[in-house]
């Protein structure tokens, strides 16, 4: 096996403490991994899941970070989604009253969405 030393430069953005379950956000994130930025934005615009709004915000932030970096001079339309992953954030624990003086726990889950963009291979 030959070890491949990939020194591809990436720019990332992270949306932290997003109030959506990580499991639901991963379903949206899997749709845009490896795609070009214009194609990923189109997919997110037509995705009906609520997590698509938060993933699109993180993608737009990553593109803005890449375009505003003076050392790179990257164009947003020439970028590709290098990696996107969703990590679990802290869980907010709430209570709901139940019968006979008991309570039921409600877990309001949060997540951290990270999007990494890089230039296409041809550029």
Protein backbone atom coordinates (compact mmCIF):
# COMPACT_ATOMS: atom_id res chain seq x y z
CA UNK A 1 0.00 0.00 0.00
CA UNK A 2 1.26 3.42 -0.91
CA UNK A 3 0.56 6.21 1.50
CA UNK A 4 -0.87 9.23 -0.27
CA UNK A 5 0.21 12.53 1.21
CA UNK A 6 -2.66 14.82 0.33
CA UNK A 7 -1.86 18.41 1.21
CA UNK A 8 -5.02 19.90 -0.19
CA UNK A 9 -5.79 23.29 1.29
CA UNK A 10 -9.26 23.60 2.77
CA UNK A 11 -11.26 26.38 4.40
CA UNK A 12 -13.88 25.54 6.99
CA UNK A 13 -16.80 27.03 8.88
CA UNK A 14 -18.56 25.65 11.94
CA UNK A 15 -22.10 26.31 13.12
CA UNK A 16 -22.19 25.42 16.80
CA UNK A 17 -25.09 24.68 19.14
CA UNK A 18 -27.62 24.30 16.32
CA UNK A 19 -31.00 23.27 17.72
CA UNK A 20 -31.58 20.26 15.52
CA UNK A 21 -30.87 16.62 16.18
CA UNK A 22 -27.51 15.42 14.80
CA UNK A 23 -29.16 12.40 13.24
CA UNK A 24 -31.53 14.60 11.25
CA UNK A 25 -28.78 17.01 10.23
CA UNK A 26 -26.57 14.15 8.99
CA UNK A 27 -29.28 13.14 6.52
CA UNK A 28 -29.00 16.57 4.92
CA UNK A 29 -25.20 16.73 5.14
CA UNK A 30 -24.82 13.43 3.30
CA UNK A 31 -26.55 14.90 0.24
CA UNK A 32 -23.96 17.62 -0.43
CA UNK A 33 -20.68 15.89 0.44
CA UNK A 34 -18.30 15.96 -2.54
CA UNK A 35 -20.43 18.22 -4.70
CA UNK A 36 -19.62 21.61 -6.16
CA UNK A 37 -20.81 24.64 -4.21
CA UNK A 38 -23.46 25.78 -6.76
CA UNK A 39 -24.83 22.25 -6.95
CA UNK A 40 -24.84 21.91 -3.16
CA UNK A 41 -26.72 25.20 -2.79
CA UNK A 42 -29.33 24.02 -5.28
CA UNK A 43 -29.78 20.73 -3.43
CA UNK A 44 -30.16 22.52 -0.10
CA UNK A 45 -32.63 25.02 -1.55
CA UNK A 46 -34.97 22.20 -2.60
CA UNK A 47 -34.49 20.02 0.47
CA UNK A 48 -37.60 20.19 2.63
CA UNK A 49 -35.91 19.24 5.91
CA UNK A 50 -35.49 21.98 8.51
CA UNK A 51 -31.80 21.16 8.95
CA UNK A 52 -31.13 22.24 5.36
CA UNK A 53 -31.37 25.90 6.41
CA UNK A 54 -28.64 25.48 9.03
CA UNK A 55 -26.39 23.45 6.71
CA UNK A 56 -26.79 26.13 4.02
CA UNK A 57 -25.77 28.83 6.49
CA UNK A 58 -22.62 26.91 7.37
CA UNK A 59 -21.87 26.36 3.65
CA UNK A 60 -22.32 30.06 2.89
CA UNK A 61 -20.03 30.95 5.77
CA UNK A 62 -17.33 28.56 4.53
CA UNK A 63 -17.53 30.04 1.01
CA UNK A 64 -17.35 33.58 2.43
CA UNK A 65 -14.31 32.57 4.51
CA UNK A 66 -12.60 31.21 1.39
CA UNK A 67 -13.41 34.28 -0.72
CA UNK A 68 -12.34 36.79 1.91
CA UNK A 69 -8.99 35.14 2.63
CA UNK A 70 -6.43 37.41 0.92
CA UNK A 71 -3.83 34.66 0.63
CA UNK A 72 -6.07 32.33 -1.42
CA UNK A 73 -7.98 34.45 -4.03
CA UNK A 74 -10.62 31.73 -4.48
CA UNK A 75 -13.87 32.16 -6.39
CA UNK A 76 -16.97 30.72 -4.72
CA UNK A 77 -18.24 29.00 -7.86
CA UNK A 78 -14.96 27.12 -8.32
CA UNK A 79 -15.14 25.44 -4.92
CA UNK A 80 -16.20 21.94 -3.96
CA UNK A 81 -17.56 20.67 -0.63
CA UNK A 82 -14.50 18.76 0.58
CA UNK A 83 -16.04 17.50 3.82
CA UNK A 84 -19.16 18.09 5.85
CA UNK A 85 -19.80 16.43 9.18
CA UNK A 86 -22.20 16.82 12.05
CA UNK A 87 -21.07 16.27 15.63
CA UNK A 88 -23.27 15.97 18.68
CA UNK A 89 -23.57 19.03 20.90
CA UNK A 90 -24.86 19.32 24.44
CA UNK A 91 -28.35 18.03 25.15
CA UNK A 92 -30.85 20.31 26.87
CA UNK A 93 -32.80 18.31 29.44
CA UNK A 94 -36.37 19.34 30.06
CA UNK A 95 -39.26 17.77 32.00
CA UNK A 96 -42.90 17.17 31.16
CA UNK A 97 -45.53 16.49 33.78
CA UNK A 98 -47.14 13.06 33.61
CA UNK A 99 -49.90 11.31 35.49
CA UNK A 100 -49.79 10.70 39.26
CA UNK A 101 -47.11 13.29 39.96
CA UNK A 102 -44.47 11.76 37.74
CA UNK A 103 -42.31 13.40 35.11
CA UNK A 104 -41.00 12.39 31.70
CA UNK A 105 -37.64 13.58 30.43
CA UNK A 106 -37.48 15.47 27.15
CA UNK A 107 -34.08 15.58 25.44
CA UNK A 108 -33.62 18.59 23.17
CA UNK A 109 -30.56 17.67 21.18
CA UNK A 110 -28.10 20.09 19.60
CA UNK A 111 -25.34 19.62 17.05
CA UNK A 112 -22.24 21.24 15.60
CA UNK A 113 -22.17 21.41 11.78
CA UNK A 114 -18.75 21.73 10.10
CA UNK A 115 -18.35 22.39 6.38
CA UNK A 116 -14.97 22.32 4.61
CA UNK A 117 -14.53 23.66 1.08
CA UNK A 118 -11.58 23.31 -1.27
CA UNK A 119 -10.81 24.12 -4.88
CA UNK A 120 -11.70 21.70 -7.63
CA UNK A 121 -8.98 19.34 -8.76
CA UNK A 122 -8.64 20.96 -12.19
CA UNK A 123 -7.83 24.43 -10.83
